[in-house]
Amino acid sequence: MNPILSISSRVENVLRLKRFGRRLKQFKNRHKGRKCILLCNGPSLNKVDFSRIDASRFVIFGLNKIYLGIDRLGVRPEYIVAVNRKVIAQSTEQYSKLPIIKFIGTPDREPLIQEDAYTYLINTGFYKSSRRFSEDICKFVHEGYTVTHAALQIIYYMGFSEVYIVGMDHKFKQHINGQENMKSIIVGDDVDHFDPAYFGNGQAWDLPDIVNSEISYKEALEVFRANNRKIFDCTVDGACRIFPRLDIESLYSPKAT
């Protein structure tokens, strides 16, 4: 490797990350003390009655291809987080049309999507830390083997006091033990996400790594608890046992009588 080019690349990366950080600082404690709902992408989202969730009580985060649920589920997040390169590549056109603030991971030197008024790039590749949870997203965000973990770091930075996770089924019919994180192609409908077109019909995805995801979740829970903040899992029939559980009814407004 040409040492001059190597030095030039490192300098370019440093300047790039500083630029990301300057834009991200505005989100520090933006929602201090508020509550948020973090929408994951499991099939159980189809069992949630979003008409009974009062949007004025919560700020809503979505992940990856949650845009498929805006009409299907009747829910529109205020923020979207995506860090997986395959997801970002498959969603670039949709993201460009969404007037929703998006936090997009950049593990590579050249991002797949450019910054704009609604798009904020986060450093998910160039960092040196043994910690899986970053309290300062201006420096880095650890992917933690799951976009849910990346979103929790952003939520923490924004100052939320309580997080309610919905749709984190944490079980995959198409998961193949021993092949975690490997590329796979789904033939036909996607049965592991809330919409059959999510990764369906020949789209590529990375097989989930449940064990490493749980290690990341444990660290996230420790950081939240150490700072007197809370994470609850309200997923309908979810399989994750890391976070304290609450029934989805706890998020619903009372029915009119």
C-alpha atoms as a PDB file:
ATOM      1  CA  MET A   1       0.000   0.000   0.000  1.00  0.00           C
ATOM      2  CA  ASN A   2       1.238   3.460  -0.882  1.00  0.00           C
ATOM      3  CA  PRO A   3       1.951   5.142   2.523  1.00  0.00           C
ATOM      4  CA  ILE A   4       1.043   8.567   1.138  1.00  0.00           C
ATOM      5  CA  LEU A   5      -2.345   7.310  -0.044  1.00  0.00           C
ATOM      6  CA  SER A   6      -2.855   5.546   3.289  1.00  0.00           C
ATOM      7  CA  ILE A   7      -2.201   8.741   5.254  1.00  0.00           C
ATOM      8  CA  SER A   8      -4.468  10.674   2.905  1.00  0.00           C
ATOM      9  CA  SER A   9      -7.289   8.165   3.430  1.00  0.00           C
ATOM     10  CA  ARG A  10      -6.955   8.338   7.210  1.00  0.00           C
ATOM     11  CA  VAL A  11      -7.047  12.121   7.172  1.00  0.00           C
ATOM     12  CA  GLU A  12     -10.103  12.031   4.907  1.00  0.00           C
ATOM     13  CA  ASN A  13     -11.855   9.645   7.288  1.00  0.00           C
ATOM     14  CA  VAL A  14     -11.108  11.821  10.304  1.00  0.00           C
ATOM     15  CA  LEU A  15     -12.462  14.924   8.569  1.00  0.00           C
ATOM     16  CA  ARG A  16     -15.526  13.034   7.401  1.00  0.00           C
ATOM     17  CA  LEU A  17     -16.332  11.759  10.885  1.00  0.00           C
ATOM     18  CA  LYS A  18     -15.876  15.224  12.372  1.00  0.00           C
ATOM     19  CA  ARG A  19     -18.414  16.530   9.876  1.00  0.00           C
ATOM     20  CA  PHE A  20     -20.876  13.803  10.866  1.00  0.00           C
ATOM     21  CA  GLY A  21     -20.355  14.693  14.528  1.00  0.00           C
ATOM     22  CA  ARG A  22     -21.007  18.391  14.013  1.00  0.00           C
ATOM     23  CA  ARG A  23     -24.387  17.626  12.451  1.00  0.00           C
ATOM     24  CA  LEU A  24     -25.337  15.073  15.123  1.00  0.00           C
ATOM     25  CA  LYS A  25     -24.674  17.370  18.100  1.00  0.00           C
ATOM     26  CA  GLN A  26     -28.069  19.035  17.648  1.00  0.00           C
ATOM     27  CA  PHE A  27     -29.743  15.818  18.815  1.00  0.00           C
ATOM     28  CA  LYS A  28     -28.065  15.786  22.238  1.00  0.00           C
ATOM     29  CA  ASN A  29     -30.898  15.575  24.825  1.00  0.00           C
ATOM     30  CA  ARG A  30     -33.406  16.770  22.223  1.00  0.00           C
ATOM     31  CA  HIS A  31     -36.094  14.630  23.906  1.00  0.00           C
ATOM     32  CA  LYS A  32     -34.779  14.632  27.466  1.00  0.00           C
ATOM     33  CA  GLY A  33     -37.174  12.951  29.881  1.00  0.00           C
ATOM     34  CA  ARG A  34     -39.638  11.849  27.195  1.00  0.00           C
ATOM     35  CA  LYS A  35     -40.868   8.357  26.309  1.00  0.00           C
ATOM     36  CA  CYS A  36     -40.400   6.645  22.958  1.00  0.00           C
ATOM     37  CA  ILE A  37     -41.577   3.558  21.143  1.00  0.00           C
ATOM     38  CA  LEU A  38     -38.986   1.615  19.156  1.00  0.00           C
ATOM     39  CA  LEU A  39     -40.618  -0.313  16.322  1.00  0.00           C
ATOM     40  CA  CYS A  40     -38.709  -3.393  15.245  1.00  0.00           C
ATOM     41  CA  ASN A  41     -39.746  -5.390  12.200  1.00  0.00           C
ATOM     42  CA  GLY A  42     -41.082  -8.745  13.378  1.00  0.00           C
ATOM     43  CA  PRO A  43     -44.385 -10.248  12.147  1.00  0.00           C
ATOM     44  CA  SER A  44     -45.936  -9.411  15.522  1.00  0.00           C
ATOM     45  CA  LEU A  45     -46.231  -5.772  14.422  1.00  0.00           C
ATOM     46  CA  ASN A  46     -49.318  -6.939  12.528  1.00  0.00           C
ATOM     47  CA  LYS A  47     -50.927  -7.796  15.880  1.00  0.00           C
ATOM     48  CA  VAL A  48     -50.526  -4.259  17.282  1.00  0.00           C
ATOM     49  CA  ASP A  49     -53.516  -1.896  17.247  1.00  0.00           C
ATOM     50  CA  PHE A  50     -51.711   1.313  16.362  1.00  0.00           C
ATOM     51  CA  SER A  51     -54.992   3.233  16.339  1.00  0.00           C
ATOM     52  CA  ARG A  52     -54.990   2.931  20.143  1.00  0.00           C
ATOM     53  CA  ILE A  53     -51.504   4.401  20.614  1.00  0.00           C
ATOM     54  CA  ASP A  54     -51.653   8.117  21.341  1.00  0.00           C
ATOM     55  CA  ALA A  55     -48.833   9.629  19.284  1.00  0.00           C
ATOM     56  CA  SER A  56     -48.737  12.683  21.556  1.00  0.00           C
ATOM     57  CA  ARG A  57     -47.466  10.490  24.413  1.00  0.00           C
ATOM     58  CA  PHE A  58     -44.524   8.970  22.550  1.00  0.00           C
ATOM     59  CA  VAL A  59     -41.859   9.731  19.988  1.00  0.00           C
ATOM     60  CA  ILE A  60     -41.772   6.836  17.534  1.00  0.00           C
ATOM     61  CA  PHE A  61     -38.604   5.306  16.070  1.00  0.00           C
ATOM     62  CA  GLY A  62     -38.603   2.844  13.202  1.00  0.00           C
ATOM     63  CA  LEU A  63     -35.915   0.570  11.820  1.00  0.00           C
ATOM     64  CA  ASN A  64     -34.711  -0.352   8.353  1.00  0.00           C
ATOM     65  CA  LYS A  65     -37.733  -0.896   6.059  1.00  0.00           C
ATOM     66  CA  ILE A  66     -40.360   0.366   8.471  1.00  0.00           C
ATOM     67  CA  TYR A  67     -41.563   2.561   5.602  1.00  0.00           C
ATOM     68  CA  LEU A  68     -43.415  -0.554   4.382  1.00  0.00           C
ATOM     69  CA  GLY A  69     -45.636  -0.164   7.448  1.00  0.00           C
ATOM     70  CA  ILE A  70     -46.653   3.483   7.052  1.00  0.00           C
ATOM     71  CA  ASP A  71     -49.749   2.481   5.100  1.00  0.00           C
ATOM     72  CA  ARG A  72     -49.912  -1.187   6.071  1.00  0.00           C
ATOM     73  CA  LEU A  73     -49.852  -0.530   9.837  1.00  0.00           C
ATOM     74  CA  GLY A  74     -51.014   3.065   9.944  1.00  0.00           C
ATOM     75  CA  VAL A  75     -47.959   4.286  11.833  1.00  0.00           C
ATOM     76  CA  ARG A  76     -45.436   6.944  10.835  1.00  0.00           C
ATOM     77  CA  PRO A  77     -42.176   7.151  12.793  1.00  0.00           C
ATOM     78  CA  GLU A  78     -40.456  10.434  13.533  1.00  0.00           C
ATOM     79  CA  TYR A  79     -37.034   8.814  13.120  1.00  0.00           C
ATOM     80  CA  ILE A  80     -35.646   5.847  11.168  1.00  0.00           C
ATOM     81  CA  VAL A  81     -32.361   4.032  11.853  1.00  0.00           C
ATOM     82  CA  ALA A  82     -30.552   1.757   9.378  1.00  0.00           C
ATOM     83  CA  VAL A  83     -27.001   0.388   9.568  1.00  0.00           C
ATOM     84  CA  ASN A  84     -26.942  -2.776   7.455  1.00  0.00           C
ATOM     85  CA  ARG A  85     -25.409  -2.193   4.033  1.00  0.00           C
ATOM     86  CA  LYS A  86     -27.841  -4.520   2.240  1.00  0.00           C
ATOM     87  CA  VAL A  87     -30.851  -2.780   3.773  1.00  0.00           C
ATOM     88  CA  ILE A  88     -29.494   0.660   2.888  1.00  0.00           C
ATOM     89  CA  ALA A  89     -28.762  -0.366  -0.706  1.00  0.00           C
ATOM     90  CA  GLN A  90     -32.246  -1.830  -1.094  1.00  0.00           C
ATOM     91  CA  SER A  91     -33.923   1.233   0.459  1.00  0.00           C
ATOM     92  CA  THR A  92     -32.011   4.178  -1.005  1.00  0.00           C
ATOM     93  CA  GLU A  93     -34.824   5.200  -3.356  1.00  0.00           C
ATOM     94  CA  GLN A  94     -37.482   4.977  -0.648  1.00  0.00           C
ATOM     95  CA  TYR A  95     -35.328   6.870   1.869  1.00  0.00           C
ATOM     96  CA  SER A  96     -34.772   9.689  -0.626  1.00  0.00           C
ATOM     97  CA  LYS A  97     -38.527  10.257  -0.817  1.00  0.00           C
ATOM     98  CA  LEU A  98     -39.252  10.147   2.910  1.00  0.00           C
ATOM     99  CA  PRO A  99     -39.446  13.484   4.760  1.00  0.00           C
ATOM    100  CA  ILE A 100     -38.472  11.663   7.951  1.00  0.00           C
ATOM    101  CA  ILE A 101     -35.183  12.092   9.827  1.00  0.00           C
ATOM    102  CA  LYS A 102     -32.978   9.096   9.108  1.00  0.00           C
ATOM    103  CA  PHE A 103     -29.778   7.966  10.839  1.00  0.00           C
ATOM    104  CA  ILE A 104     -27.771   5.903   8.356  1.00  0.00           C
ATOM    105  CA  GLY A 105     -24.688   3.863   9.232  1.00  0.00           C
ATOM    106  CA  THR A 106     -21.457   4.294   7.272  1.00  0.00           C
ATOM    107  CA  PRO A 107     -19.171   1.309   7.860  1.00  0.00           C
ATOM    108  CA  ASP A 108     -17.388   1.976   4.567  1.00  0.00           C
ATOM    109  CA  ARG A 109     -15.375   4.903   3.284  1.00  0.00           C
ATOM    110  CA  GLU A 110     -18.030   5.899   0.762  1.00  0.00           C
ATOM    111  CA  PRO A 111     -21.616   5.981   2.072  1.00  0.00           C
ATOM    112  CA  LEU A 112     -24.407   4.540  -0.058  1.00  0.00           C
ATOM    113  CA  ILE A 113     -26.639   7.511   0.651  1.00  0.00           C
ATOM    114  CA  GLN A 114     -25.702  11.160   0.906  1.00  0.00           C
ATOM    115  CA  GLU A 115     -26.395  13.619   3.688  1.00  0.00           C
ATOM    116  CA  ASP A 116     -29.324  16.003   3.285  1.00  0.00           C
ATOM    117  CA  ALA A 117     -31.845  17.840   5.451  1.00  0.00           C
ATOM    118  CA  TYR A 118     -33.403  14.523   6.566  1.00  0.00           C
ATOM    119  CA  THR A 119     -30.391  12.215   6.372  1.00  0.00           C
ATOM    120  CA  TYR A 120     -27.693  12.038   9.061  1.00  0.00           C
ATOM    121  CA  LEU A 121     -24.732   9.716   8.689  1.00  0.00           C
ATOM    122  CA  ILE A 122     -23.372   7.955  11.768  1.00  0.00           C
ATOM    123  CA  ASN A 123     -19.972   6.362  12.203  1.00  0.00           C
ATOM    124  CA  THR A 124     -20.504   2.610  12.511  1.00  0.00           C
ATOM    125  CA  GLY A 125     -17.150   1.492  11.214  1.00  0.00           C
ATOM    126  CA  PHE A 126     -14.193   3.673  12.179  1.00  0.00           C
ATOM    127  CA  TYR A 127     -13.854   3.402  15.935  1.00  0.00           C
ATOM    128  CA  LYS A 128     -11.631   1.823  18.519  1.00  0.00           C
ATOM    129  CA  SER A 129     -13.565   0.720  21.566  1.00  0.00           C
ATOM    130  CA  SER A 130     -14.162  -2.500  23.466  1.00  0.00           C
ATOM    131  CA  ARG A 131     -17.588  -1.202  24.510  1.00  0.00           C
ATOM    132  CA  ARG A 132     -20.647  -2.213  22.568  1.00  0.00           C
ATOM    133  CA  PHE A 133     -22.635   0.813  23.664  1.00  0.00           C
ATOM    134  CA  SER A 134     -21.692   4.367  22.753  1.00  0.00           C
ATOM    135  CA  GLU A 135     -23.054   7.206  24.878  1.00  0.00           C
ATOM    136  CA  ASP A 136     -21.874   9.747  22.295  1.00  0.00           C
ATOM    137  CA  ILE A 137     -23.138   9.102  18.772  1.00  0.00           C
ATOM    138  CA  CYS A 138     -20.971  11.960  17.481  1.00  0.00           C
ATOM    139  CA  LYS A 139     -17.992   9.637  17.959  1.00  0.00           C
ATOM    140  CA  PHE A 140     -19.430   6.284  16.924  1.00  0.00           C
ATOM    141  CA  VAL A 141     -22.404   3.958  17.102  1.00  0.00           C
ATOM    142  CA  HIS A 142     -21.761   0.259  17.649  1.00  0.00           C
ATOM    143  CA  GLU A 143     -23.855  -1.924  15.354  1.00  0.00           C
ATOM    144  CA  GLY A 144     -24.013  -4.621  18.013  1.00  0.00           C
ATOM    145  CA  TYR A 145     -25.125  -7.275  15.476  1.00  0.00           C
ATOM    146  CA  THR A 146     -28.585  -5.697  15.289  1.00  0.00           C
ATOM    147  CA  VAL A 147     -29.992  -2.344  14.204  1.00  0.00           C
ATOM    148  CA  THR A 148     -32.124  -2.351  17.366  1.00  0.00           C
ATOM    149  CA  HIS A 149     -28.970  -1.904  19.429  1.00  0.00           C
ATOM    150  CA  ALA A 150     -27.776   0.943  17.193  1.00  0.00           C
ATOM    151  CA  ALA A 151     -31.120   2.683  17.660  1.00  0.00           C
ATOM    152  CA  LEU A 152     -30.906   2.344  21.458  1.00  0.00           C
ATOM    153  CA  GLN A 153     -27.627   4.289  21.433  1.00  0.00           C
ATOM    154  CA  ILE A 154     -29.242   7.107  19.434  1.00  0.00           C
ATOM    155  CA  ILE A 155     -32.261   7.075  21.731  1.00  0.00           C
ATOM    156  CA  TYR A 156     -29.979   7.302  24.749  1.00  0.00           C
ATOM    157  CA  TYR A 157     -28.098  10.262  23.245  1.00  0.00           C
ATOM    158  CA  MET A 158     -31.391  12.053  22.681  1.00  0.00           C
ATOM    159  CA  GLY A 159     -32.151  11.829  26.388  1.00  0.00           C
ATOM    160  CA  PHE A 160     -35.230   9.606  26.460  1.00  0.00           C
ATOM    161  CA  SER A 161     -36.075   8.327  29.925  1.00  0.00           C
ATOM    162  CA  GLU A 162     -38.162   5.322  28.857  1.00  0.00           C
ATOM    163  CA  VAL A 163     -38.068   3.092  25.773  1.00  0.00           C
ATOM    164  CA  TYR A 164     -40.834   0.666  24.809  1.00  0.00           C
ATOM    165  CA  ILE A 165     -39.735  -1.922  22.242  1.00  0.00           C
ATOM    166  CA  VAL A 166     -42.446  -3.342  19.982  1.00  0.00           C
ATOM    167  CA  GLY A 167     -42.108  -5.957  17.252  1.00  0.00           C
ATOM    168  CA  MET A 168     -38.818  -7.504  18.399  1.00  0.00           C
ATOM    169  CA  ASP A 169     -39.937 -11.109  17.901  1.00  0.00           C
ATOM    170  CA  HIS A 170     -36.360 -12.382  18.349  1.00  0.00           C
ATOM    171  CA  LYS A 171     -37.127 -15.645  16.544  1.00  0.00           C
ATOM    172  CA  PHE A 172     -36.600 -16.463  12.890  1.00  0.00           C
ATOM    173  CA  LYS A 173     -38.049 -19.341  10.892  1.00  0.00           C
ATOM    174  CA  GLN A 174     -35.394 -18.784   8.228  1.00  0.00           C
ATOM    175  CA  HIS A 175     -32.520 -18.620  10.719  1.00  0.00           C
ATOM    176  CA  ILE A 176     -29.822 -21.236  10.143  1.00  0.00           C
ATOM    177  CA  ASN A 177     -27.730 -22.121  13.186  1.00  0.00           C
ATOM    178  CA  GLY A 178     -24.024 -21.904  12.543  1.00  0.00           C
ATOM    179  CA  GLN A 179     -24.430 -19.476   9.661  1.00  0.00           C
ATOM    180  CA  GLU A 180     -25.060 -16.288  11.615  1.00  0.00           C
ATOM    181  CA  ASN A 181     -24.250 -13.029   9.770  1.00  0.00           C
ATOM    182  CA  MET A 182     -23.911 -14.856   6.434  1.00  0.00           C
ATOM    183  CA  LYS A 183     -25.637 -13.638   3.294  1.00  0.00           C
ATOM    184  CA  SER A 184     -28.841 -15.477   2.442  1.00  0.00           C
ATOM    185  CA  ILE A 185     -31.467 -15.157  -0.270  1.00  0.00           C
ATOM    186  CA  ILE A 186     -35.165 -15.462   0.537  1.00  0.00           C
ATOM    187  CA  VAL A 187     -37.174 -17.201  -2.169  1.00  0.00           C
ATOM    188  CA  GLY A 188     -40.848 -16.238  -2.075  1.00  0.00           C
ATOM    189  CA  ASP A 189     -42.424 -14.389   0.835  1.00  0.00           C
ATOM    190  CA  ASP A 190     -40.444 -13.197   3.852  1.00  0.00           C
ATOM    191  CA  VAL A 191     -42.088 -14.837   6.876  1.00  0.00           C
ATOM    192  CA  ASP A 192     -39.731 -13.316   9.451  1.00  0.00           C
ATOM    193  CA  HIS A 193     -40.789  -9.682   9.047  1.00  0.00           C
ATOM    194  CA  PHE A 194     -44.074  -7.798   9.182  1.00  0.00           C
ATOM    195  CA  ASP A 195     -44.358  -7.496   5.408  1.00  0.00           C
ATOM    196  CA  PRO A 196     -43.835 -10.473   3.040  1.00  0.00           C
ATOM    197  CA  ALA A 197     -41.917  -8.176   0.662  1.00  0.00           C
ATOM    198  CA  TYR A 198     -39.486  -7.055   3.389  1.00  0.00           C
ATOM    199  CA  PHE A 199     -36.644  -9.305   2.185  1.00  0.00           C
ATOM    200  CA  GLY A 200     -38.851 -11.492   0.022  1.00  0.00           C
ATOM    201  CA  ASN A 201     -38.715 -12.473  -3.625  1.00  0.00           C
ATOM    202  CA  GLY A 202     -34.992 -12.943  -4.032  1.00  0.00           C
ATOM    203  CA  GLN A 203     -33.656 -10.106  -1.900  1.00  0.00           C
ATOM    204  CA  ALA A 204     -30.483 -10.674   0.085  1.00  0.00           C
ATOM    205  CA  TRP A 205     -30.242 -10.378   3.859  1.00  0.00           C
ATOM    206  CA  ASP A 206     -27.751 -11.273   6.579  1.00  0.00           C
ATOM    207  CA  LEU A 207     -28.795 -14.184   8.763  1.00  0.00           C
ATOM    208  CA  PRO A 208     -29.438 -12.985  12.337  1.00  0.00           C
ATOM    209  CA  ASP A 209     -27.039 -13.495  15.224  1.00  0.00           C
ATOM    210  CA  ILE A 210     -29.294 -13.888  18.243  1.00  0.00           C
ATOM    211  CA  VAL A 211     -26.508 -14.709  20.727  1.00  0.00           C
ATOM    212  CA  ASN A 212     -24.464 -11.614  19.941  1.00  0.00           C
ATOM    213  CA  SER A 213     -27.612  -9.502  19.787  1.00  0.00           C
ATOM    214  CA  GLU A 214     -28.426 -10.502  23.362  1.00  0.00           C
ATOM    215  CA  ILE A 215     -24.917  -9.590  24.535  1.00  0.00           C
ATOM    216  CA  SER A 216     -25.471  -6.132  23.037  1.00  0.00           C
ATOM    217  CA  TYR A 217     -28.910  -5.793  24.627  1.00  0.00           C
ATOM    218  CA  LYS A 218     -27.509  -6.619  28.058  1.00  0.00           C
ATOM    219  CA  GLU A 219     -24.944  -3.831  27.748  1.00  0.00           C
ATOM    220  CA  ALA A 220     -27.612  -1.376  26.581  1.00  0.00           C
ATOM    221  CA  LEU A 221     -29.804  -2.260  29.561  1.00  0.00           C
ATOM    222  CA  GLU A 222     -26.886  -1.801  31.961  1.00  0.00           C
ATOM    223  CA  VAL A 223     -26.125   1.689  30.613  1.00  0.00           C
ATOM    224  CA  PHE A 224     -29.764   2.773  30.752  1.00  0.00           C
ATOM    225  CA  ARG A 225     -30.197   1.467  34.309  1.00  0.00           C
ATOM    226  CA  ALA A 226     -26.962   3.096  35.481  1.00  0.00           C
ATOM    227  CA  ASN A 227     -28.432   6.436  34.413  1.00  0.00           C
ATOM    228  CA  ASN A 228     -31.906   5.839  35.884  1.00  0.00           C
ATOM    229  CA  ARG A 229     -33.513   5.186  32.527  1.00  0.00           C
ATOM    230  CA  LYS A 230     -35.694   2.262  31.499  1.00  0.00           C
ATOM    231  CA  ILE A 231     -36.136  -0.130  28.582  1.00  0.00           C
ATOM    232  CA  PHE A 232     -39.238  -2.328  28.332  1.00  0.00           C
ATOM    233  CA  ASP A 233     -40.100  -5.017  25.808  1.00  0.00           C
ATOM    234  CA  CYS A 234     -43.768  -4.852  24.781  1.00  0.00           C
ATOM    235  CA  THR A 235     -43.493  -7.261  21.852  1.00  0.00           C
ATOM    236  CA  VAL A 236     -46.525  -9.505  21.373  1.00  0.00           C
ATOM    237  CA  ASP A 237     -45.332 -13.075  22.046  1.00  0.00           C
ATOM    238  CA  GLY A 238     -41.684 -12.011  21.757  1.00  0.00           C
ATOM    239  CA  ALA A 239     -38.903 -14.490  22.554  1.00  0.00           C
ATOM    240  CA  CYS A 240     -36.312 -12.061  23.976  1.00  0.00           C
ATOM    241  CA  ARG A 241     -35.881 -12.235  27.754  1.00  0.00           C
ATOM    242  CA  ILE A 242     -33.233  -9.554  28.254  1.00  0.00           C
ATOM    243  CA  PHE A 243     -35.475  -6.550  28.900  1.00  0.00           C
ATOM    244  CA  PRO A 244     -38.293  -6.309  31.464  1.00  0.00           C
ATOM    245  CA  ARG A 245     -41.591  -7.265  29.836  1.00  0.00           C
ATOM    246  CA  LEU A 246     -44.772  -5.225  29.602  1.00  0.00           C
ATOM    247  CA  ASP A 247     -48.023  -6.114  27.867  1.00  0.00           C
ATOM    248  CA  ILE A 248     -48.774  -4.175  24.681  1.00  0.00           C
ATOM    249  CA  GLU A 249     -51.956  -2.984  26.395  1.00  0.00           C
ATOM    250  CA  SER A 250     -49.783  -0.749  28.573  1.00  0.00           C
ATOM    251  CA  LEU A 251     -49.156   1.445  25.530  1.00  0.00           C
ATOM    252  CA  TYR A 252     -52.797   1.684  24.500  1.00  0.00           C
ATOM    253  CA  SER A 253     -55.125   4.516  25.424  1.00  0.00           C
ATOM    254  CA  PRO A 254     -58.313   3.330  27.148  1.00  0.00           C
ATOM    255  CA  LYS A 255     -61.123   2.364  24.820  1.00  0.00           C
ATOM    256  CA  ALA A 256     -63.988   4.826  24.580  1.00  0.00           C
ATOM    257  CA  THR A 257     -67.076   3.650  26.439  1.00  0.00           C
END
